[in-house]
């Protein structure tokens, strides 16, 4: 590993796996058996659709979705690790396109 981008490339798969394990332990996103299932993917896609092209704070997302902040935080973390969402100053989130 010689550059920052190589470091991110090497560490991302492990970070994603740890994020999934954390979500499983918190039991907020998946069933007790903790599979990566279609419901989780559907909820993440719905959250991405809600973000659209606007910036939203975590509190705004919680208000609109009715989801607990802890659940949304886990979902947003997974989306950020997947390169679909970016966290901005002020606890705001933006959907990434590409």
PDB file of N, CA and C in Angstrom:
ATOM      1  N   UNK A   1       0.854  -1.170   0.000  1.00  0.00           N
ATOM      2  CA  UNK A   1       0.000   0.000   0.000  1.00  0.00           C
ATOM      3  C   UNK A   1       0.894   1.225   0.000  1.00  0.00           C
ATOM      4  N   UNK A   2       0.709   2.068  -1.029  1.00  0.00           N
ATOM      5  CA  UNK A   2       1.560   3.243  -1.142  1.00  0.00           C
ATOM      6  C   UNK A   2       0.803   4.558  -1.152  1.00  0.00           C
ATOM      7  N   UNK A   3      -0.505   4.528  -1.436  1.00  0.00           N
ATOM      8  CA  UNK A   3      -1.278   5.766  -1.502  1.00  0.00           C
ATOM      9  C   UNK A   3      -2.523   5.650  -0.638  1.00  0.00           C
ATOM     10  N   UNK A   4      -3.132   6.796  -0.381  1.00  0.00           N
ATOM     11  CA  UNK A   4      -4.361   6.807   0.417  1.00  0.00           C
ATOM     12  C   UNK A   4      -5.472   6.032  -0.283  1.00  0.00           C
ATOM     13  N   UNK A   5      -5.574   6.174  -1.604  1.00  0.00           N
ATOM     14  CA  UNK A   5      -6.636   5.456  -2.318  1.00  0.00           C
ATOM     15  C   UNK A   5      -6.440   3.950  -2.252  1.00  0.00           C
ATOM     16  N   UNK A   6      -5.200   3.488  -2.272  1.00  0.00           N
ATOM     17  CA  UNK A   6      -4.938   2.054  -2.112  1.00  0.00           C
ATOM     18  C   UNK A   6      -5.327   1.590  -0.715  1.00  0.00           C
ATOM     19  N   UNK A   7      -5.075   2.428   0.283  1.00  0.00           N
ATOM     20  CA  UNK A   7      -5.432   2.084   1.651  1.00  0.00           C
ATOM     21  C   UNK A   7      -6.954   1.944   1.775  1.00  0.00           C
ATOM     22  N   UNK A   8      -7.699   2.879   1.198  1.00  0.00           N
ATOM     23  CA  UNK A   8      -9.156   2.808   1.226  1.00  0.00           C
ATOM     24  C   UNK A   8      -9.626   1.540   0.527  1.00  0.00           C
ATOM     25  N   UNK A   9      -9.027   1.229  -0.606  1.00  0.00           N
ATOM     26  CA  UNK A   9      -9.393   0.032  -1.362  1.00  0.00           C
ATOM     27  C   UNK A   9      -9.167  -1.238  -0.543  1.00  0.00           C
ATOM     28  N   UNK A  10      -8.087  -1.285   0.189  1.00  0.00           N
ATOM     29  CA  UNK A  10      -7.755  -2.456   0.996  1.00  0.00           C
ATOM     30  C   UNK A  10      -8.663  -2.562   2.228  1.00  0.00           C
ATOM     31  N   UNK A  11      -8.986  -1.435   2.844  1.00  0.00           N
ATOM     32  CA  UNK A  11      -9.744  -1.454   4.096  1.00  0.00           C
ATOM     33  C   UNK A  11     -11.259  -1.504   3.918  1.00  0.00           C
ATOM     34  N   UNK A  12     -11.786  -1.089   2.780  1.00  0.00           N
ATOM     35  CA  UNK A  12     -13.235  -1.007   2.585  1.00  0.00           C
ATOM     36  C   UNK A  12     -13.958  -2.340   2.784  1.00  0.00           C
ATOM     37  N   UNK A  13     -13.523  -3.451   2.183  1.00  0.00           N
ATOM     38  CA  UNK A  13     -14.263  -4.710   2.393  1.00  0.00           C
ATOM     39  C   UNK A  13     -14.353  -5.107   3.869  1.00  0.00           C
ATOM     40  N   UNK A  14     -13.289  -4.927   4.610  1.00  0.00           N
ATOM     41  CA  UNK A  14     -13.310  -5.247   6.037  1.00  0.00           C
ATOM     42  C   UNK A  14     -14.238  -4.321   6.811  1.00  0.00           C
ATOM     43  N   UNK A  15     -14.250  -3.040   6.443  1.00  0.00           N
ATOM     44  CA  UNK A  15     -15.130  -2.085   7.112  1.00  0.00           C
ATOM     45  C   UNK A  15     -16.591  -2.423   6.845  1.00  0.00           C
ATOM     46  N   UNK A  16     -16.902  -2.819   5.624  1.00  0.00           N
ATOM     47  CA  UNK A  16     -18.273  -3.211   5.290  1.00  0.00           C
ATOM     48  C   UNK A  16     -18.681  -4.430   6.105  1.00  0.00           C
ATOM     49  N   UNK A  17     -17.802  -5.401   6.189  1.00  0.00           N
ATOM     50  CA  UNK A  17     -18.108  -6.609   6.965  1.00  0.00           C
ATOM     51  C   UNK A  17     -18.322  -6.268   8.441  1.00  0.00           C
ATOM     52  N   UNK A  18     -17.500  -5.393   8.983  1.00  0.00           N
ATOM     53  CA  UNK A  18     -17.671  -4.980  10.378  1.00  0.00           C
ATOM     54  C   UNK A  18     -18.979  -4.214  10.574  1.00  0.00           C
ATOM     55  N   UNK A  19     -19.340  -3.400   9.605  1.00  0.00           N
ATOM     56  CA  UNK A  19     -20.602  -2.675   9.678  1.00  0.00           C
ATOM     57  C   UNK A  19     -21.789  -3.625   9.698  1.00  0.00           C
ATOM     58  N   UNK A  20     -21.743  -4.649   8.868  1.00  0.00           N
ATOM     59  CA  UNK A  20     -22.813  -5.644   8.845  1.00  0.00           C
ATOM     60  C   UNK A  20     -22.891  -6.387  10.178  1.00  0.00           C
ATOM     61  N   UNK A  21     -21.724  -6.715  10.715  1.00  0.00           N
ATOM     62  CA  UNK A  21     -21.709  -7.401  12.008  1.00  0.00           C
ATOM     63  C   UNK A  21     -22.284  -6.512  13.105  1.00  0.00           C
ATOM     64  N   UNK A  22     -21.945  -5.226  13.075  1.00  0.00           N
ATOM     65  CA  UNK A  22     -22.479  -4.292  14.058  1.00  0.00           C
ATOM     66  C   UNK A  22     -23.997  -4.189  13.924  1.00  0.00           C
ATOM     67  N   UNK A  23     -24.489  -4.075  12.689  1.00  0.00           N
ATOM     68  CA  UNK A  23     -25.940  -4.005  12.471  1.00  0.00           C
ATOM     69  C   UNK A  23     -26.617  -5.255  13.003  1.00  0.00           C
ATOM     70  N   UNK A  24     -25.985  -6.384  12.802  1.00  0.00           N
ATOM     71  CA  UNK A  24     -26.529  -7.643  13.292  1.00  0.00           C
ATOM     72  C   UNK A  24     -26.590  -7.632  14.812  1.00  0.00           C
ATOM     73  N   UNK A  25     -25.526  -7.206  15.441  1.00  0.00           N
ATOM     74  CA  UNK A  25     -25.487  -7.182  16.903  1.00  0.00           C
ATOM     75  C   UNK A  25     -26.504  -6.208  17.474  1.00  0.00           C
ATOM     76  N   UNK A  26     -26.694  -5.098  16.812  1.00  0.00           N
ATOM     77  CA  UNK A  26     -27.674  -4.126  17.286  1.00  0.00           C
ATOM     78  C   UNK A  26     -29.092  -4.568  17.004  1.00  0.00           C
ATOM     79  N   UNK A  27     -29.240  -5.555  16.120  1.00  0.00           N
ATOM     80  CA  UNK A  27     -30.539  -6.113  15.767  1.00  0.00           C
ATOM     81  C   UNK A  27     -31.526  -5.031  15.349  1.00  0.00           C
ATOM     82  N   UNK A  28     -31.035  -4.098  14.539  1.00  0.00           N
ATOM     83  CA  UNK A  28     -31.907  -3.019  14.105  1.00  0.00           C
ATOM     84  C   UNK A  28     -32.309  -3.131  12.651  1.00  0.00           C
ATOM     85  N   UNK A  29     -31.536  -3.871  11.883  1.00  0.00           N
ATOM     86  CA  UNK A  29     -31.800  -3.894  10.445  1.00  0.00           C
ATOM     87  C   UNK A  29     -32.194  -5.248   9.897  1.00  0.00           C
ATOM     88  N   UNK A  30     -31.825  -6.310  10.586  1.00  0.00           N
ATOM     89  CA  UNK A  30     -32.022  -7.639  10.032  1.00  0.00           C
ATOM     90  C   UNK A  30     -32.657  -8.560  11.056  1.00  0.00           C
ATOM     91  N   UNK A  31     -33.038  -9.738  10.620  1.00  0.00           N
ATOM     92  CA  UNK A  31     -33.648 -10.711  11.512  1.00  0.00           C
ATOM     93  C   UNK A  31     -32.617 -11.221  12.510  1.00  0.00           C
ATOM     94  N   UNK A  32     -33.064 -11.895  13.582  1.00  0.00           N
ATOM     95  CA  UNK A  32     -32.110 -12.393  14.582  1.00  0.00           C
ATOM     96  C   UNK A  32     -31.028 -13.302  14.015  1.00  0.00           C
ATOM     97  N   UNK A  33     -31.308 -13.979  12.911  1.00  0.00           N
ATOM     98  CA  UNK A  33     -30.299 -14.847  12.303  1.00  0.00           C
ATOM     99  C   UNK A  33     -29.247 -14.036  11.554  1.00  0.00           C
ATOM    100  N   UNK A  34     -29.541 -12.769  11.308  1.00  0.00           N
ATOM    101  CA  UNK A  34     -28.623 -11.815  10.705  1.00  0.00           C
ATOM    102  C   UNK A  34     -28.228 -12.108   9.263  1.00  0.00           C
ATOM    103  N   UNK A  35     -29.123 -12.547   8.415  1.00  0.00           N
ATOM    104  CA  UNK A  35     -28.735 -12.659   7.019  1.00  0.00           C
ATOM    105  C   UNK A  35     -28.771 -11.292   6.354  1.00  0.00           C
ATOM    106  N   UNK A  36     -28.035 -11.122   5.296  1.00  0.00           N
ATOM    107  CA  UNK A  36     -28.141  -9.916   4.486  1.00  0.00           C
ATOM    108  C   UNK A  36     -29.285 -10.179   3.523  1.00  0.00           C
ATOM    109  N   UNK A  37     -30.456  -9.640   3.811  1.00  0.00           N
ATOM    110  CA  UNK A  37     -31.643 -10.021   3.065  1.00  0.00           C
ATOM    111  C   UNK A  37     -32.213  -8.889   2.227  1.00  0.00           C
ATOM    112  N   UNK A  38     -33.259  -9.203   1.474  1.00  0.00           N
ATOM    113  CA  UNK A  38     -33.875  -8.250   0.567  1.00  0.00           C
ATOM    114  C   UNK A  38     -34.516  -7.092   1.322  1.00  0.00           C
ATOM    115  N   UNK A  39     -35.021  -7.326   2.536  1.00  0.00           N
ATOM    116  CA  UNK A  39     -35.642  -6.247   3.301  1.00  0.00           C
ATOM    117  C   UNK A  39     -34.648  -5.135   3.605  1.00  0.00           C
ATOM    118  N   UNK A  40     -33.429  -5.508   3.944  1.00  0.00           N
ATOM    119  CA  UNK A  40     -32.398  -4.520   4.224  1.00  0.00           C
ATOM    120  C   UNK A  40     -32.080  -3.730   2.970  1.00  0.00           C
ATOM    121  N   UNK A  41     -31.929  -4.417   1.844  1.00  0.00           N
ATOM    122  CA  UNK A  41     -31.649  -3.745   0.583  1.00  0.00           C
ATOM    123  C   UNK A  41     -32.790  -2.817   0.196  1.00  0.00           C
ATOM    124  N   UNK A  42     -34.021  -3.262   0.386  1.00  0.00           N
ATOM    125  CA  UNK A  42     -35.188  -2.455   0.053  1.00  0.00           C
ATOM    126  C   UNK A  42     -35.234  -1.198   0.911  1.00  0.00           C
ATOM    127  N   UNK A  43     -34.976  -1.341   2.198  1.00  0.00           N
ATOM    128  CA  UNK A  43     -34.984  -0.189   3.102  1.00  0.00           C
ATOM    129  C   UNK A  43     -33.887   0.806   2.720  1.00  0.00           C
ATOM    130  N   UNK A  44     -32.723   0.307   2.354  1.00  0.00           N
ATOM    131  CA  UNK A  44     -31.622   1.185   1.945  1.00  0.00           C
ATOM    132  C   UNK A  44     -31.957   1.920   0.656  1.00  0.00           C
ATOM    133  N   UNK A  45     -32.551   1.216  -0.294  1.00  0.00           N
ATOM    134  CA  UNK A  45     -32.936   1.847  -1.565  1.00  0.00           C
ATOM    135  C   UNK A  45     -34.012   2.906  -1.331  1.00  0.00           C
ATOM    136  N   UNK A  46     -34.943   2.622  -0.426  1.00  0.00           N
ATOM    137  CA  UNK A  46     -35.980   3.601  -0.102  1.00  0.00           C
ATOM    138  C   UNK A  46     -35.362   4.852   0.522  1.00  0.00           C
ATOM    139  N   UNK A  47     -34.373   4.665   1.375  1.00  0.00           N
ATOM    140  CA  UNK A  47     -33.695   5.793   2.001  1.00  0.00           C
ATOM    141  C   UNK A  47     -32.950   6.607   0.952  1.00  0.00           C
ATOM    142  N   UNK A  48     -32.299   5.931   0.018  1.00  0.00           N
ATOM    143  CA  UNK A  48     -31.617   6.637  -1.070  1.00  0.00           C
ATOM    144  C   UNK A  48     -32.612   7.439  -1.899  1.00  0.00           C
ATOM    145  N   UNK A  49     -33.765   6.840  -2.185  1.00  0.00           N
ATOM    146  CA  UNK A  49     -34.791   7.538  -2.948  1.00  0.00           C
ATOM    147  C   UNK A  49     -35.294   8.768  -2.220  1.00  0.00           C
ATOM    148  N   UNK A  50     -35.416   8.664  -0.915  1.00  0.00           N
ATOM    149  CA  UNK A  50     -35.859   9.787  -0.104  1.00  0.00           C
ATOM    150  C   UNK A  50     -34.840  10.923  -0.130  1.00  0.00           C
ATOM    151  N   UNK A  51     -33.570  10.573  -0.101  1.00  0.00           N
ATOM    152  CA  UNK A  51     -32.526  11.600  -0.150  1.00  0.00           C
ATOM    153  C   UNK A  51     -32.558  12.338  -1.484  1.00  0.00           C
ATOM    154  N   UNK A  52     -32.792  11.612  -2.564  1.00  0.00           N
ATOM    155  CA  UNK A  52     -32.823  12.263  -3.868  1.00  0.00           C
ATOM    156  C   UNK A  52     -31.581  13.104  -4.078  1.00  0.00           C
ATOM    157  N   UNK A  53     -31.779  14.330  -4.530  1.00  0.00           N
ATOM    158  CA  UNK A  53     -30.656  15.240  -4.758  1.00  0.00           C
ATOM    159  C   UNK A  53     -30.532  16.303  -3.673  1.00  0.00           C
ATOM    160  N   UNK A  54     -31.305  16.165  -2.603  1.00  0.00           N
ATOM    161  CA  UNK A  54     -31.275  17.170  -1.539  1.00  0.00           C
ATOM    162  C   UNK A  54     -30.389  16.722  -0.390  1.00  0.00           C
ATOM    163  N   UNK A  55     -30.003  17.685   0.428  1.00  0.00           N
ATOM    164  CA  UNK A  55     -29.262  17.398   1.655  1.00  0.00           C
ATOM    165  C   UNK A  55     -30.280  17.281   2.781  1.00  0.00           C
ATOM    166  N   UNK A  56     -30.107  16.279   3.631  1.00  0.00           N
ATOM    167  CA  UNK A  56     -31.009  16.114   4.768  1.00  0.00           C
ATOM    168  C   UNK A  56     -30.198  15.777   6.006  1.00  0.00           C
ATOM    169  N   UNK A  57     -30.655  16.296   7.136  1.00  0.00           N
ATOM    170  CA  UNK A  57     -30.014  15.957   8.398  1.00  0.00           C
ATOM    171  C   UNK A  57     -30.579  14.633   8.899  1.00  0.00           C
ATOM    172  N   UNK A  58     -29.889  14.048   9.835  1.00  0.00           N
ATOM    173  CA  UNK A  58     -30.351  12.790  10.431  1.00  0.00           C
ATOM    174  C   UNK A  58     -31.711  12.987  11.100  1.00  0.00           C
ATOM    175  N   UNK A  59     -31.890  14.111  11.761  1.00  0.00           N
ATOM    176  CA  UNK A  59     -33.171  14.388  12.412  1.00  0.00           C
ATOM    177  C   UNK A  59     -34.304  14.525  11.397  1.00  0.00           C
ATOM    178  N   UNK A  60     -34.014  15.165  10.273  1.00  0.00           N
ATOM    179  CA  UNK A  60     -35.029  15.285   9.217  1.00  0.00           C
ATOM    180  C   UNK A  60     -35.406  13.914   8.670  1.00  0.00           C
ATOM    181  N   UNK A  61     -34.407  13.079   8.449  1.00  0.00           N
ATOM    182  CA  UNK A  61     -34.675  11.726   7.946  1.00  0.00           C
ATOM    183  C   UNK A  61     -35.510  10.933   8.946  1.00  0.00           C
ATOM    184  N   UNK A  62     -35.189  11.065  10.228  1.00  0.00           N
ATOM    185  CA  UNK A  62     -35.951  10.359  11.259  1.00  0.00           C
ATOM    186  C   UNK A  62     -37.393  10.842  11.279  1.00  0.00           C
ATOM    187  N   UNK A  63     -37.589  12.137  11.130  1.00  0.00           N
ATOM    188  CA  UNK A  63     -38.933  12.700  11.134  1.00  0.00           C
ATOM    189  C   UNK A  63     -39.745  12.218   9.936  1.00  0.00           C
ATOM    190  N   UNK A  64     -39.128  12.206   8.776  1.00  0.00           N
ATOM    191  CA  UNK A  64     -39.831  11.817   7.546  1.00  0.00           C
ATOM    192  C   UNK A  64     -40.111  10.313   7.503  1.00  0.00           C
ATOM    193  N   UNK A  65     -39.145   9.508   7.935  1.00  0.00           N
ATOM    194  CA  UNK A  65     -39.299   8.052   7.818  1.00  0.00           C
ATOM    195  C   UNK A  65     -39.997   7.421   9.017  1.00  0.00           C
ATOM    196  N   UNK A  66     -39.914   8.068  10.172  1.00  0.00           N
ATOM    197  CA  UNK A  66     -40.454   7.461  11.384  1.00  0.00           C
ATOM    198  C   UNK A  66     -39.538   6.395  11.960  1.00  0.00           C
ATOM    199  N   UNK A  67     -38.342   6.260  11.399  1.00  0.00           N
ATOM    200  CA  UNK A  67     -37.364   5.278  11.867  1.00  0.00           C
ATOM    201  C   UNK A  67     -36.563   5.860  13.031  1.00  0.00           C
ATOM    202  N   UNK A  68     -36.141   5.010  13.959  1.00  0.00           N
ATOM    203  CA  UNK A  68     -35.265   5.488  15.042  1.00  0.00           C
ATOM    204  C   UNK A  68     -33.927   5.976  14.480  1.00  0.00           C
ATOM    205  N   UNK A  69     -33.342   6.947  15.138  1.00  0.00           N
ATOM    206  CA  UNK A  69     -32.062   7.510  14.708  1.00  0.00           C
ATOM    207  C   UNK A  69     -30.992   6.417  14.629  1.00  0.00           C
ATOM    208  N   UNK A  70     -30.982   5.487  15.574  1.00  0.00           N
ATOM    209  CA  UNK A  70     -29.987   4.404  15.571  1.00  0.00           C
ATOM    210  C   UNK A  70     -30.103   3.556  14.314  1.00  0.00           C
ATOM    211  N   UNK A  71     -31.310   3.256  13.893  1.00  0.00           N
ATOM    212  CA  UNK A  71     -31.521   2.461  12.679  1.00  0.00           C
ATOM    213  C   UNK A  71     -31.040   3.226  11.466  1.00  0.00           C
ATOM    214  N   UNK A  72     -31.415   4.498  11.378  1.00  0.00           N
ATOM    215  CA  UNK A  72     -30.988   5.314  10.243  1.00  0.00           C
ATOM    216  C   UNK A  72     -29.470   5.478  10.215  1.00  0.00           C
ATOM    217  N   UNK A  73     -28.867   5.649  11.372  1.00  0.00           N
ATOM    218  CA  UNK A  73     -27.403   5.787  11.432  1.00  0.00           C
ATOM    219  C   UNK A  73     -26.724   4.553  10.873  1.00  0.00           C
ATOM    220  N   UNK A  74     -27.221   3.383  11.232  1.00  0.00           N
ATOM    221  CA  UNK A  74     -26.646   2.136  10.718  1.00  0.00           C
ATOM    222  C   UNK A  74     -26.821   2.033   9.214  1.00  0.00           C
ATOM    223  N   UNK A  75     -28.017   2.369   8.739  1.00  0.00           N
ATOM    224  CA  UNK A  75     -28.280   2.311   7.303  1.00  0.00           C
ATOM    225  C   UNK A  75     -27.397   3.291   6.544  1.00  0.00           C
ATOM    226  N   UNK A  76     -27.276   4.504   7.064  1.00  0.00           N
ATOM    227  CA  UNK A  76     -26.465   5.515   6.402  1.00  0.00           C
ATOM    228  C   UNK A  76     -24.987   5.136   6.404  1.00  0.00           C
ATOM    229  N   UNK A  77     -24.522   4.519   7.476  1.00  0.00           N
ATOM    230  CA  UNK A  77     -23.141   4.050   7.526  1.00  0.00           C
ATOM    231  C   UNK A  77     -22.888   3.014   6.437  1.00  0.00           C
ATOM    232  N   UNK A  78     -23.799   2.071   6.293  1.00  0.00           N
ATOM    233  CA  UNK A  78     -23.649   1.039   5.265  1.00  0.00           C
ATOM    234  C   UNK A  78     -23.674   1.672   3.868  1.00  0.00           C
ATOM    235  N   UNK A  79     -24.551   2.629   3.652  1.00  0.00           N
ATOM    236  CA  UNK A  79     -24.623   3.306   2.362  1.00  0.00           C
ATOM    237  C   UNK A  79     -23.366   4.130   2.093  1.00  0.00           C
ATOM    238  N   UNK A  80     -22.818   4.726   3.153  1.00  0.00           N
ATOM    239  CA  UNK A  80     -21.585   5.488   2.987  1.00  0.00           C
ATOM    240  C   UNK A  80     -20.416   4.566   2.646  1.00  0.00           C
ATOM    241  N   UNK A  81     -20.326   3.446   3.329  1.00  0.00           N
ATOM    242  CA  UNK A  81     -19.254   2.486   3.032  1.00  0.00           C
ATOM    243  C   UNK A  81     -19.383   1.922   1.615  1.00  0.00           C
ATOM    244  N   UNK A  82     -20.617   1.850   1.123  1.00  0.00           N
ATOM    245  CA  UNK A  82     -20.852   1.362  -0.238  1.00  0.00           C
ATOM    246  C   UNK A  82     -20.644   2.465  -1.277  1.00  0.00           C
ATOM    247  N   UNK A  83     -20.342   3.680  -0.835  1.00  0.00           N
ATOM    248  CA  UNK A  83     -20.083   4.775  -1.752  1.00  0.00           C
ATOM    249  C   UNK A  83     -21.346   5.381  -2.352  1.00  0.00           C
ATOM    250  N   UNK A  84     -22.468   5.228  -1.661  1.00  0.00           N
ATOM    251  CA  UNK A  84     -23.731   5.748  -2.181  1.00  0.00           C
ATOM    252  C   UNK A  84     -24.197   7.018  -1.482  1.00  0.00           C
ATOM    253  N   UNK A  85     -23.624   7.298  -0.314  1.00  0.00           N
ATOM    254  CA  UNK A  85     -24.017   8.452   0.491  1.00  0.00           C
ATOM    255  C   UNK A  85     -22.757   9.097   1.044  1.00  0.00           C
ATOM    256  N   UNK A  86     -22.800  10.415   1.196  1.00  0.00           N
ATOM    257  CA  UNK A  86     -21.683  11.146   1.787  1.00  0.00           C
ATOM    258  C   UNK A  86     -22.182  11.905   3.005  1.00  0.00           C
ATOM    259  N   UNK A  87     -21.411  11.866   4.082  1.00  0.00           N
ATOM    260  CA  UNK A  87     -21.725  12.641   5.275  1.00  0.00           C
ATOM    261  C   UNK A  87     -21.060  14.001   5.153  1.00  0.00           C
ATOM    262  N   UNK A  88     -21.840  15.036   5.405  1.00  0.00           N
ATOM    263  CA  UNK A  88     -21.344  16.404   5.308  1.00  0.00           C
ATOM    264  C   UNK A  88     -21.388  17.062   6.686  1.00  0.00           C
ATOM    265  N   UNK A  89     -20.682  18.186   6.845  1.00  0.00           N
ATOM    266  CA  UNK A  89     -20.727  18.900   8.125  1.00  0.00           C
ATOM    267  C   UNK A  89     -22.170  19.228   8.510  1.00  0.00           C
ATOM    268  N   UNK A  90     -22.418  19.283   9.792  1.00  0.00           N
ATOM    269  CA  UNK A  90     -23.748  19.586  10.293  1.00  0.00           C
ATOM    270  C   UNK A  90     -24.641  18.363  10.350  1.00  0.00           C
ATOM    271  N   UNK A  91     -24.021  17.169  10.335  1.00  0.00           N
ATOM    272  CA  UNK A  91     -24.778  15.913  10.396  1.00  0.00           C
ATOM    273  C   UNK A  91     -25.793  15.803   9.253  1.00  0.00           C
ATOM    274  N   UNK A  92     -25.357  16.277   8.061  1.00  0.00           N
ATOM    275  CA  UNK A  92     -26.197  16.214   6.872  1.00  0.00           C
ATOM    276  C   UNK A  92     -25.700  15.101   5.969  1.00  0.00           C
ATOM    277  N   UNK A  93     -26.617  14.564   5.174  1.00  0.00           N
ATOM    278  CA  UNK A  93     -26.296  13.458   4.281  1.00  0.00           C
ATOM    279  C   UNK A  93     -26.699  13.813   2.860  1.00  0.00           C
ATOM    280  N   UNK A  94     -25.864  13.369   1.914  1.00  0.00           N
ATOM    281  CA  UNK A  94     -26.103  13.635   0.506  1.00  0.00           C
ATOM    282  C   UNK A  94     -25.945  12.332  -0.273  1.00  0.00           C
ATOM    283  N   UNK A  95     -26.854  12.106  -1.187  1.00  0.00           N
ATOM    284  CA  UNK A  95     -26.760  10.944  -2.065  1.00  0.00           C
ATOM    285  C   UNK A  95     -25.687  11.220  -3.113  1.00  0.00           C
ATOM    286  N   UNK A  96     -24.862  10.207  -3.377  1.00  0.00           N
ATOM    287  CA  UNK A  96     -23.839  10.305  -4.405  1.00  0.00           C
ATOM    288  C   UNK A  96     -24.328   9.613  -5.670  1.00  0.00           C
ATOM    289  N   UNK A  97     -24.003  10.166  -6.792  1.00  0.00           N
ATOM    290  CA  UNK A  97     -24.381   9.561  -8.074  1.00  0.00           C
ATOM    291  C   UNK A  97     -23.114   9.079  -8.760  1.00  0.00           C
ATOM    292  N   UNK A  98     -23.241   7.964  -9.433  1.00  0.00           N
ATOM    293  CA  UNK A  98     -22.065   7.521 -10.166  1.00  0.00           C
ATOM    294  C   UNK A  98     -21.894   6.065 -10.248  1.00  0.00           C
TER     295      UNK A  98
END
